[in-house]
Amino acid sequence: MQKLTGKLSSVKGAPRDEIAQRYQAA
C-alpha cells in the first residue's frame, strides 16, 4: 500500500510546478 500511495502522490511535471516557478520572485 505504501508503494502505491507514493506513486499516486508524486506526479511530476504538473502544470502547478510551472506555476510555482513563475512565482519564485514572490
mmCIF file of all heavy atoms, coordinates in Angstrom:
data_MODEL
# 
_entry.id   MODEL 
# 
loop_
_atom_site.group_PDB 
_atom_site.id 
_atom_site.type_symbol 
_atom_site.label_atom_id 
_atom_site.label_alt_id 
_atom_site.label_comp_id 
_atom_site.label_asym_id 
_atom_site.label_entity_id 
_atom_site.label_seq_id 
_atom_site.pdbx_PDB_ins_code 
_atom_site.Cartn_x 
_atom_site.Cartn_y 
_atom_site.Cartn_z 
_atom_site.occupancy 
_atom_site.B_iso_or_equiv 
_atom_site.pdbx_formal_charge 
_atom_site.auth_seq_id 
_atom_site.auth_comp_id 
_atom_site.auth_asym_id 
_atom_site.auth_atom_id 
_atom_site.pdbx_PDB_model_num 
ATOM 1   N N   . MET A 1 1  ? 0.834  -1.194 0.000   1.00 0.00 ? 1  MET A N   1 
ATOM 2   C CA  . MET A 1 1  ? 0.000  0.000  0.000   1.00 0.00 ? 1  MET A CA  1 
ATOM 3   C C   . MET A 1 1  ? 0.877  1.256  0.000   1.00 0.00 ? 1  MET A C   1 
ATOM 4   O O   . MET A 1 1  ? 0.566  2.208  -0.671  1.00 0.00 ? 1  MET A O   1 
ATOM 5   C CB  . MET A 1 1  ? -0.921 -0.037 1.224   1.00 0.00 ? 1  MET A CB  1 
ATOM 6   C CG  . MET A 1 1  ? -1.869 1.132  1.291   1.00 0.00 ? 1  MET A CG  1 
ATOM 7   S SD  . MET A 1 1  ? -3.079 1.204  -0.029  1.00 0.00 ? 1  MET A SD  1 
ATOM 8   C CE  . MET A 1 1  ? -4.391 0.300  0.669   1.00 0.00 ? 1  MET A CE  1 
ATOM 9   N N   . GLN A 1 2  ? 1.958  1.238  0.768   1.00 0.00 ? 2  GLN A N   1 
ATOM 10  C CA  . GLN A 1 2  ? 2.851  2.404  0.844   1.00 0.00 ? 2  GLN A CA  1 
ATOM 11  C C   . GLN A 1 2  ? 3.416  2.749  -0.534  1.00 0.00 ? 2  GLN A C   1 
ATOM 12  O O   . GLN A 1 2  ? 3.468  3.910  -0.916  1.00 0.00 ? 2  GLN A O   1 
ATOM 13  C CB  . GLN A 1 2  ? 3.991  2.116  1.824   1.00 0.00 ? 2  GLN A CB  1 
ATOM 14  C CG  . GLN A 1 2  ? 4.919  3.273  2.066   1.00 0.00 ? 2  GLN A CG  1 
ATOM 15  C CD  . GLN A 1 2  ? 4.333  4.284  3.031   1.00 0.00 ? 2  GLN A CD  1 
ATOM 16  O OE1 . GLN A 1 2  ? 3.360  4.026  3.703   1.00 0.00 ? 2  GLN A OE1 1 
ATOM 17  N NE2 . GLN A 1 2  ? 4.923  5.447  3.080   1.00 0.00 ? 2  GLN A NE2 1 
ATOM 18  N N   . LYS A 1 3  ? 3.845  1.727  -1.305  1.00 0.00 ? 3  LYS A N   1 
ATOM 19  C CA  . LYS A 1 3  ? 4.383  1.971  -2.648  1.00 0.00 ? 3  LYS A CA  1 
ATOM 20  C C   . LYS A 1 3  ? 3.332  2.611  -3.546  1.00 0.00 ? 3  LYS A C   1 
ATOM 21  O O   . LYS A 1 3  ? 3.610  3.550  -4.279  1.00 0.00 ? 3  LYS A O   1 
ATOM 22  C CB  . LYS A 1 3  ? 4.861  0.664  -3.287  1.00 0.00 ? 3  LYS A CB  1 
ATOM 23  C CG  . LYS A 1 3  ? 6.229  0.251  -2.907  1.00 0.00 ? 3  LYS A CG  1 
ATOM 24  C CD  . LYS A 1 3  ? 6.610  -0.975 -3.723  1.00 0.00 ? 3  LYS A CD  1 
ATOM 25  C CE  . LYS A 1 3  ? 8.021  -1.382 -3.437  1.00 0.00 ? 3  LYS A CE  1 
ATOM 26  N NZ  . LYS A 1 3  ? 8.420  -2.535 -4.240  1.00 0.00 ? 3  LYS A NZ  1 
ATOM 27  N N   . LEU A 1 4  ? 2.125  2.101  -3.489  1.00 0.00 ? 4  LEU A N   1 
ATOM 28  C CA  . LEU A 1 4  ? 1.044  2.603  -4.329  1.00 0.00 ? 4  LEU A CA  1 
ATOM 29  C C   . LEU A 1 4  ? 0.730  4.058  -4.000  1.00 0.00 ? 4  LEU A C   1 
ATOM 30  O O   . LEU A 1 4  ? 0.645  4.892  -4.888  1.00 0.00 ? 4  LEU A O   1 
ATOM 31  C CB  . LEU A 1 4  ? -0.214 1.751  -4.162  1.00 0.00 ? 4  LEU A CB  1 
ATOM 32  C CG  . LEU A 1 4  ? -1.451 2.222  -4.932  1.00 0.00 ? 4  LEU A CG  1 
ATOM 33  C CD1 . LEU A 1 4  ? -1.176 2.231  -6.426  1.00 0.00 ? 4  LEU A CD1 1 
ATOM 34  C CD2 . LEU A 1 4  ? -2.630 1.337  -4.607  1.00 0.00 ? 4  LEU A CD2 1 
ATOM 35  N N   . THR A 1 5  ? 0.593  4.384  -2.719  1.00 0.00 ? 5  THR A N   1 
ATOM 36  C CA  . THR A 1 5  ? 0.269  5.759  -2.355  1.00 0.00 ? 5  THR A CA  1 
ATOM 37  C C   . THR A 1 5  ? 1.411  6.694  -2.706  1.00 0.00 ? 5  THR A C   1 
ATOM 38  O O   . THR A 1 5  ? 1.187  7.834  -3.086  1.00 0.00 ? 5  THR A O   1 
ATOM 39  C CB  . THR A 1 5  ? -0.078 5.896  -0.859  1.00 0.00 ? 5  THR A CB  1 
ATOM 40  O OG1 . THR A 1 5  ? 1.024  5.420  -0.086  1.00 0.00 ? 5  THR A OG1 1 
ATOM 41  C CG2 . THR A 1 5  ? -1.334 5.146  -0.514  1.00 0.00 ? 5  THR A CG2 1 
ATOM 42  N N   . GLY A 1 6  ? 2.641  6.229  -2.608  1.00 0.00 ? 6  GLY A N   1 
ATOM 43  C CA  . GLY A 1 6  ? 3.787  7.055  -3.003  1.00 0.00 ? 6  GLY A CA  1 
ATOM 44  C C   . GLY A 1 6  ? 3.735  7.385  -4.478  1.00 0.00 ? 6  GLY A C   1 
ATOM 45  O O   . GLY A 1 6  ? 3.985  8.514  -4.885  1.00 0.00 ? 6  GLY A O   1 
ATOM 46  N N   . LYS A 1 7  ? 3.390  6.390  -5.303  1.00 0.00 ? 7  LYS A N   1 
ATOM 47  C CA  . LYS A 1 7  ? 3.285  6.625  -6.746  1.00 0.00 ? 7  LYS A CA  1 
ATOM 48  C C   . LYS A 1 7  ? 2.154  7.595  -7.076  1.00 0.00 ? 7  LYS A C   1 
ATOM 49  O O   . LYS A 1 7  ? 2.292  8.457  -7.916  1.00 0.00 ? 7  LYS A O   1 
ATOM 50  C CB  . LYS A 1 7  ? 3.044  5.300  -7.478  1.00 0.00 ? 7  LYS A CB  1 
ATOM 51  C CG  . LYS A 1 7  ? 4.257  4.422  -7.555  1.00 0.00 ? 7  LYS A CG  1 
ATOM 52  C CD  . LYS A 1 7  ? 3.933  3.139  -8.286  1.00 0.00 ? 7  LYS A CD  1 
ATOM 53  C CE  . LYS A 1 7  ? 5.126  2.210  -8.299  1.00 0.00 ? 7  LYS A CE  1 
ATOM 54  N NZ  . LYS A 1 7  ? 4.829  0.951  -8.978  1.00 0.00 ? 7  LYS A NZ  1 
ATOM 55  N N   . LEU A 1 8  ? 1.041  7.437  -6.402  1.00 0.00 ? 8  LEU A N   1 
ATOM 56  C CA  . LEU A 1 8  ? -0.115 8.284  -6.684  1.00 0.00 ? 8  LEU A CA  1 
ATOM 57  C C   . LEU A 1 8  ? 0.112  9.727  -6.259  1.00 0.00 ? 8  LEU A C   1 
ATOM 58  O O   . LEU A 1 8  ? -0.419 10.642 -6.860  1.00 0.00 ? 8  LEU A O   1 
ATOM 59  C CB  . LEU A 1 8  ? -1.357 7.735  -5.973  1.00 0.00 ? 8  LEU A CB  1 
ATOM 60  C CG  . LEU A 1 8  ? -1.873 6.402  -6.480  1.00 0.00 ? 8  LEU A CG  1 
ATOM 61  C CD1 . LEU A 1 8  ? -3.018 5.923  -5.602  1.00 0.00 ? 8  LEU A CD1 1 
ATOM 62  C CD2 . LEU A 1 8  ? -2.325 6.517  -7.924  1.00 0.00 ? 8  LEU A CD2 1 
ATOM 63  N N   . SER A 1 9  ? 0.900  9.938  -5.206  1.00 0.00 ? 9  SER A N   1 
ATOM 64  C CA  . SER A 1 9  ? 1.056  11.297 -4.692  1.00 0.00 ? 9  SER A CA  1 
ATOM 65  C C   . SER A 1 9  ? 2.281  12.019 -5.230  1.00 0.00 ? 9  SER A C   1 
ATOM 66  O O   . SER A 1 9  ? 2.540  13.146 -4.867  1.00 0.00 ? 9  SER A O   1 
ATOM 67  C CB  . SER A 1 9  ? 1.111  11.259 -3.162  1.00 0.00 ? 9  SER A CB  1 
ATOM 68  O OG  . SER A 1 9  ? 2.248  10.545 -2.750  1.00 0.00 ? 9  SER A OG  1 
ATOM 69  N N   . SER A 1 10 ? 3.041  11.392 -6.121  1.00 0.00 ? 10 SER A N   1 
ATOM 70  C CA  . SER A 1 10 ? 4.261  12.050 -6.612  1.00 0.00 ? 10 SER A CA  1 
ATOM 71  C C   . SER A 1 10 ? 4.222  12.244 -8.121  1.00 0.00 ? 10 SER A C   1 
ATOM 72  O O   . SER A 1 10 ? 5.067  11.759 -8.837  1.00 0.00 ? 10 SER A O   1 
ATOM 73  C CB  . SER A 1 10 ? 5.491  11.233 -6.214  1.00 0.00 ? 10 SER A CB  1 
ATOM 74  O OG  . SER A 1 10 ? 5.452  9.967  -6.842  1.00 0.00 ? 10 SER A OG  1 
ATOM 75  N N   . VAL A 1 11 ? 3.227  12.938 -8.599  1.00 0.00 ? 11 VAL A N   1 
ATOM 76  C CA  . VAL A 1 11 ? 3.092  13.218 -10.020 1.00 0.00 ? 11 VAL A CA  1 
ATOM 77  C C   . VAL A 1 11 ? 4.057  14.331 -10.396 1.00 0.00 ? 11 VAL A C   1 
ATOM 78  O O   . VAL A 1 11 ? 4.056  15.408 -9.817  1.00 0.00 ? 11 VAL A O   1 
ATOM 79  C CB  . VAL A 1 11 ? 1.640  13.631 -10.358 1.00 0.00 ? 11 VAL A CB  1 
ATOM 80  C CG1 . VAL A 1 11 ? 1.520  13.985 -11.826 1.00 0.00 ? 11 VAL A CG1 1 
ATOM 81  C CG2 . VAL A 1 11 ? 0.683  12.525 -9.988  1.00 0.00 ? 11 VAL A CG2 1 
ATOM 82  N N   . LYS A 1 12 ? 4.934  14.060 -11.354 1.00 0.00 ? 12 LYS A N   1 
ATOM 83  C CA  . LYS A 1 12 ? 5.942  15.040 -11.778 1.00 0.00 ? 12 LYS A CA  1 
ATOM 84  C C   . LYS A 1 12 ? 5.473  15.772 -13.027 1.00 0.00 ? 12 LYS A C   1 
ATOM 85  O O   . LYS A 1 12 ? 4.681  15.269 -13.801 1.00 0.00 ? 12 LYS A O   1 
ATOM 86  C CB  . LYS A 1 12 ? 7.270  14.331 -12.089 1.00 0.00 ? 12 LYS A CB  1 
ATOM 87  C CG  . LYS A 1 12 ? 7.824  13.522 -10.939 1.00 0.00 ? 12 LYS A CG  1 
ATOM 88  C CD  . LYS A 1 12 ? 8.413  14.426 -9.899  1.00 0.00 ? 12 LYS A CD  1 
ATOM 89  C CE  . LYS A 1 12 ? 9.048  13.564 -8.828  1.00 0.00 ? 12 LYS A CE  1 
ATOM 90  N NZ  . LYS A 1 12 ? 9.156  14.175 -7.569  1.00 0.00 ? 12 LYS A NZ  1 
ATOM 91  N N   . GLY A 1 13 ? 6.007  16.967 -13.221 1.00 0.00 ? 13 GLY A N   1 
ATOM 92  C CA  . GLY A 1 13 ? 5.743  17.705 -14.440 1.00 0.00 ? 13 GLY A CA  1 
ATOM 93  C C   . GLY A 1 13 ? 4.351  18.304 -14.521 1.00 0.00 ? 13 GLY A C   1 
ATOM 94  O O   . GLY A 1 13 ? 3.883  18.645 -15.594 1.00 0.00 ? 13 GLY A O   1 
ATOM 95  N N   . ALA A 1 14 ? 3.695  18.430 -13.395 1.00 0.00 ? 14 ALA A N   1 
ATOM 96  C CA  . ALA A 1 14 ? 2.351  19.007 -13.401 1.00 0.00 ? 14 ALA A CA  1 
ATOM 97  C C   . ALA A 1 14 ? 2.424  20.495 -13.719 1.00 0.00 ? 14 ALA A C   1 
ATOM 98  O O   . ALA A 1 14 ? 3.420  21.141 -13.417 1.00 0.00 ? 14 ALA A O   1 
ATOM 99  C CB  . ALA A 1 14 ? 1.700  18.784 -12.033 1.00 0.00 ? 14 ALA A CB  1 
ATOM 100 N N   . PRO A 1 15 ? 1.382  21.047 -14.326 1.00 0.00 ? 15 PRO A N   1 
ATOM 101 C CA  . PRO A 1 15 ? 1.367  22.493 -14.606 1.00 0.00 ? 15 PRO A CA  1 
ATOM 102 C C   . PRO A 1 15 ? 1.587  23.320 -13.345 1.00 0.00 ? 15 PRO A C   1 
ATOM 103 O O   . PRO A 1 15 ? 2.085  24.427 -13.411 1.00 0.00 ? 15 PRO A O   1 
ATOM 104 C CB  . PRO A 1 15 ? -0.028 22.734 -15.182 1.00 0.00 ? 15 PRO A CB  1 
ATOM 105 C CG  . PRO A 1 15 ? -0.481 21.415 -15.675 1.00 0.00 ? 15 PRO A CG  1 
ATOM 106 C CD  . PRO A 1 15 ? 0.200  20.389 -14.809 1.00 0.00 ? 15 PRO A CD  1 
ATOM 107 N N   . ARG A 1 16 ? 1.240  22.785 -12.190 1.00 0.00 ? 16 ARG A N   1 
ATOM 108 C CA  . ARG A 1 16 ? 1.424  23.515 -10.939 1.00 0.00 ? 16 ARG A CA  1 
ATOM 109 C C   . ARG A 1 16 ? 2.899  23.751 -10.646 1.00 0.00 ? 16 ARG A C   1 
ATOM 110 O O   . ARG A 1 16 ? 3.256  24.742 -10.027 1.00 0.00 ? 16 ARG A O   1 
ATOM 111 C CB  . ARG A 1 16 ? 0.754  22.770 -9.800  1.00 0.00 ? 16 ARG A CB  1 
ATOM 112 C CG  . ARG A 1 16 ? -0.747 22.765 -9.958  1.00 0.00 ? 16 ARG A CG  1 
ATOM 113 C CD  . ARG A 1 16 ? -1.415 21.898 -8.937  1.00 0.00 ? 16 ARG A CD  1 
ATOM 114 N NE  . ARG A 1 16 ? -2.853 21.968 -9.122  1.00 0.00 ? 16 ARG A NE  1 
ATOM 115 C CZ  . ARG A 1 16 ? -3.702 21.215 -8.496  1.00 0.00 ? 16 ARG A CZ  1 
ATOM 116 N NH1 . ARG A 1 16 ? -3.286 20.335 -7.630  1.00 0.00 ? 16 ARG A NH1 1 
ATOM 117 N NH2 . ARG A 1 16 ? -4.987 21.325 -8.712  1.00 0.00 ? 16 ARG A NH2 1 
ATOM 118 N N   . ASP A 1 17 ? 3.773  22.851 -11.088 1.00 0.00 ? 17 ASP A N   1 
ATOM 119 C CA  . ASP A 1 17 ? 5.211  23.067 -10.929 1.00 0.00 ? 17 ASP A CA  1 
ATOM 120 C C   . ASP A 1 17 ? 5.647  24.303 -11.715 1.00 0.00 ? 17 ASP A C   1 
ATOM 121 O O   . ASP A 1 17 ? 6.446  25.103 -11.235 1.00 0.00 ? 17 ASP A O   1 
ATOM 122 C CB  . ASP A 1 17 ? 6.014  21.855 -11.416 1.00 0.00 ? 17 ASP A CB  1 
ATOM 123 C CG  . ASP A 1 17 ? 5.845  20.646 -10.505 1.00 0.00 ? 17 ASP A CG  1 
ATOM 124 O OD1 . ASP A 1 17 ? 5.552  20.843 -9.313  1.00 0.00 ? 17 ASP A OD1 1 
ATOM 125 O OD2 . ASP A 1 17 ? 6.016  19.513 -10.993 1.00 0.00 ? 17 ASP A OD2 1 
ATOM 126 N N   . GLU A 1 18 ? 5.108  24.441 -12.914 1.00 0.00 ? 18 GLU A N   1 
ATOM 127 C CA  . GLU A 1 18 ? 5.433  25.602 -13.745 1.00 0.00 ? 18 GLU A CA  1 
ATOM 128 C C   . GLU A 1 18 ? 4.918  26.888 -13.101 1.00 0.00 ? 18 GLU A C   1 
ATOM 129 O O   . GLU A 1 18 ? 5.592  27.915 -13.114 1.00 0.00 ? 18 GLU A O   1 
ATOM 130 C CB  . GLU A 1 18 ? 4.819  25.438 -15.137 1.00 0.00 ? 18 GLU A CB  1 
ATOM 131 C CG  . GLU A 1 18 ? 5.397  24.275 -15.915 1.00 0.00 ? 18 GLU A CG  1 
ATOM 132 C CD  . GLU A 1 18 ? 4.607  23.967 -17.172 1.00 0.00 ? 18 GLU A CD  1 
ATOM 133 O OE1 . GLU A 1 18 ? 3.841  24.837 -17.628 1.00 0.00 ? 18 GLU A OE1 1 
ATOM 134 O OE2 . GLU A 1 18 ? 4.754  22.848 -17.691 1.00 0.00 ? 18 GLU A OE2 1 
ATOM 135 N N   . ILE A 1 19 ? 3.741  26.824 -12.519 1.00 0.00 ? 19 ILE A N   1 
ATOM 136 C CA  . ILE A 1 19 ? 3.181  27.991 -11.843 1.00 0.00 ? 19 ILE A CA  1 
ATOM 137 C C   . ILE A 1 19 ? 4.066  28.396 -10.672 1.00 0.00 ? 19 ILE A C   1 
ATOM 138 O O   . ILE A 1 19 ? 4.378  29.573 -10.495 1.00 0.00 ? 19 ILE A O   1 
ATOM 139 C CB  . ILE A 1 19 ? 1.738  27.707 -11.366 1.00 0.00 ? 19 ILE A CB  1 
ATOM 140 C CG1 . ILE A 1 19 ? 0.819  27.536 -12.573 1.00 0.00 ? 19 ILE A CG1 1 
ATOM 141 C CG2 . ILE A 1 19 ? 1.234  28.811 -10.448 1.00 0.00 ? 19 ILE A CG2 1 
ATOM 142 C CD1 . ILE A 1 19 ? -0.549 26.986 -12.240 1.00 0.00 ? 19 ILE A CD1 1 
ATOM 143 N N   . ALA A 1 20 ? 4.505  27.429 -9.899  1.00 0.00 ? 20 ALA A N   1 
ATOM 144 C CA  . ALA A 1 20 ? 5.388  27.718 -8.766  1.00 0.00 ? 20 ALA A CA  1 
ATOM 145 C C   . ALA A 1 20 ? 6.677  28.380 -9.235  1.00 0.00 ? 20 ALA A C   1 
ATOM 146 O O   . ALA A 1 20 ? 7.173  29.313 -8.590  1.00 0.00 ? 20 ALA A O   1 
ATOM 147 C CB  . ALA A 1 20 ? 5.689  26.437 -7.995  1.00 0.00 ? 20 ALA A CB  1 
ATOM 148 N N   . GLN A 1 21 ? 7.215  27.940 -10.355 1.00 0.00 ? 21 GLN A N   1 
ATOM 149 C CA  . GLN A 1 21 ? 8.435  28.550 -10.889 1.00 0.00 ? 21 GLN A CA  1 
ATOM 150 C C   . GLN A 1 21 ? 8.211  30.014 -11.252 1.00 0.00 ? 21 GLN A C   1 
ATOM 151 O O   . GLN A 1 21 ? 9.065  30.857 -11.005 1.00 0.00 ? 21 GLN A O   1 
ATOM 152 C CB  . GLN A 1 21 ? 8.933  27.771 -12.116 1.00 0.00 ? 21 GLN A CB  1 
ATOM 153 C CG  . GLN A 1 21 ? 9.516  26.420 -11.790 1.00 0.00 ? 21 GLN A CG  1 
ATOM 154 C CD  . GLN A 1 21 ? 10.737 26.539 -10.877 1.00 0.00 ? 21 GLN A CD  1 
ATOM 155 O OE1 . GLN A 1 21 ? 11.558 27.435 -11.018 1.00 0.00 ? 21 GLN A OE1 1 
ATOM 156 N NE2 . GLN A 1 21 ? 10.828 25.639 -9.923  1.00 0.00 ? 21 GLN A NE2 1 
ATOM 157 N N   . ARG A 1 22 ? 7.055  30.309 -11.807 1.00 0.00 ? 22 ARG A N   1 
ATOM 158 C CA  . ARG A 1 22 ? 6.751  31.693 -12.196 1.00 0.00 ? 22 ARG A CA  1 
ATOM 159 C C   . ARG A 1 22 ? 6.628  32.622 -10.987 1.00 0.00 ? 22 ARG A C   1 
ATOM 160 O O   . ARG A 1 22 ? 6.835  33.812 -11.101 1.00 0.00 ? 22 ARG A O   1 
ATOM 161 C CB  . ARG A 1 22 ? 5.476  31.754 -13.024 1.00 0.00 ? 22 ARG A CB  1 
ATOM 162 C CG  . ARG A 1 22 ? 5.709  31.327 -14.464 1.00 0.00 ? 22 ARG A CG  1 
ATOM 163 C CD  . ARG A 1 22 ? 4.492  31.607 -15.295 1.00 0.00 ? 22 ARG A CD  1 
ATOM 164 N NE  . ARG A 1 22 ? 3.788  30.331 -15.435 1.00 0.00 ? 22 ARG A NE  1 
ATOM 165 C CZ  . ARG A 1 22 ? 2.493  30.191 -15.607 1.00 0.00 ? 22 ARG A CZ  1 
ATOM 166 N NH1 . ARG A 1 22 ? 1.719  31.239 -15.659 1.00 0.00 ? 22 ARG A NH1 1 
ATOM 167 N NH2 . ARG A 1 22 ? 1.947  29.011 -15.730 1.00 0.00 ? 22 ARG A NH2 1 
ATOM 168 N N   . TYR A 1 23 ? 6.271  32.070 -9.853  1.00 0.00 ? 23 TYR A N   1 
ATOM 169 C CA  . TYR A 1 23 ? 6.060  32.887 -8.657  1.00 0.00 ? 23 TYR A CA  1 
ATOM 170 C C   . TYR A 1 23 ? 7.250  32.883 -7.697  1.00 0.00 ? 23 TYR A C   1 
ATOM 171 O O   . TYR A 1 23 ? 7.140  33.375 -6.576  1.00 0.00 ? 23 TYR A O   1 
ATOM 172 C CB  . TYR A 1 23 ? 4.795  32.438 -7.920  1.00 0.00 ? 23 TYR A CB  1 
ATOM 173 C CG  . TYR A 1 23 ? 3.543  32.893 -8.610  1.00 0.00 ? 23 TYR A CG  1 
ATOM 174 C CD1 . TYR A 1 23 ? 2.869  32.057 -9.494  1.00 0.00 ? 23 TYR A CD1 1 
ATOM 175 C CD2 . TYR A 1 23 ? 3.044  34.171 -8.399  1.00 0.00 ? 23 TYR A CD2 1 
ATOM 176 C CE1 . TYR A 1 23 ? 1.723  32.485 -10.149 1.00 0.00 ? 23 TYR A CE1 1 
ATOM 177 C CE2 . TYR A 1 23 ? 1.897  34.608 -9.046  1.00 0.00 ? 23 TYR A CE2 1 
ATOM 178 C CZ  . TYR A 1 23 ? 1.242  33.762 -9.914  1.00 0.00 ? 23 TYR A CZ  1 
ATOM 179 O OH  . TYR A 1 23 ? 0.108  34.188 -10.563 1.00 0.00 ? 23 TYR A OH  1 
ATOM 180 N N   . GLN A 1 24 ? 8.394  32.388 -8.123  1.00 0.00 ? 24 GLN A N   1 
ATOM 181 C CA  . GLN A 1 24 ? 9.574  32.357 -7.258  1.00 0.00 ? 24 GLN A CA  1 
ATOM 182 C C   . GLN A 1 24 ? 9.938  33.740 -6.725  1.00 0.00 ? 24 GLN A C   1 
ATOM 183 O O   . GLN A 1 24 ? 10.370 33.879 -5.581  1.00 0.00 ? 24 GLN A O   1 
ATOM 184 C CB  . GLN A 1 24 ? 10.773 31.758 -8.010  1.00 0.00 ? 24 GLN A CB  1 
ATOM 185 C CG  . GLN A 1 24 ? 10.718 30.254 -8.158  1.00 0.00 ? 24 GLN A CG  1 
ATOM 186 C CD  . GLN A 1 24 ? 10.819 29.538 -6.824  1.00 0.00 ? 24 GLN A CD  1 
ATOM 187 O OE1 . GLN A 1 24 ? 11.636 29.867 -5.997  1.00 0.00 ? 24 GLN A OE1 1 
ATOM 188 N NE2 . GLN A 1 24 ? 9.958  28.555 -6.634  1.00 0.00 ? 24 GLN A NE2 1 
ATOM 189 N N   . ALA A 1 25 ? 9.765  34.769 -7.527  1.00 0.00 ? 25 ALA A N   1 
ATOM 190 C CA  . ALA A 1 25 ? 10.110 36.126 -7.094  1.00 0.00 ? 25 ALA A CA  1 
ATOM 191 C C   . ALA A 1 25 ? 9.250  36.575 -5.912  1.00 0.00 ? 25 ALA A C   1 
ATOM 192 O O   . ALA A 1 25 ? 9.674  37.415 -5.108  1.00 0.00 ? 25 ALA A O   1 
ATOM 193 C CB  . ALA A 1 25 ? 9.966  37.102 -8.255  1.00 0.00 ? 25 ALA A CB  1 
ATOM 194 N N   . ALA A 1 26 ? 8.069  36.010 -5.769  1.00 0.00 ? 26 ALA A N   1 
ATOM 195 C CA  . ALA A 1 26 ? 7.167  36.394 -4.684  1.00 0.00 ? 26 ALA A CA  1 
ATOM 196 C C   . ALA A 1 26 ? 7.730  36.025 -3.316  1.00 0.00 ? 26 ALA A C   1 
ATOM 197 O O   . ALA A 1 26 ? 7.370  36.638 -2.308  1.00 0.00 ? 26 ALA A O   1 
ATOM 198 C CB  . ALA A 1 26 ? 5.808  35.732 -4.885  1.00 0.00 ? 26 ALA A CB  1 
# 
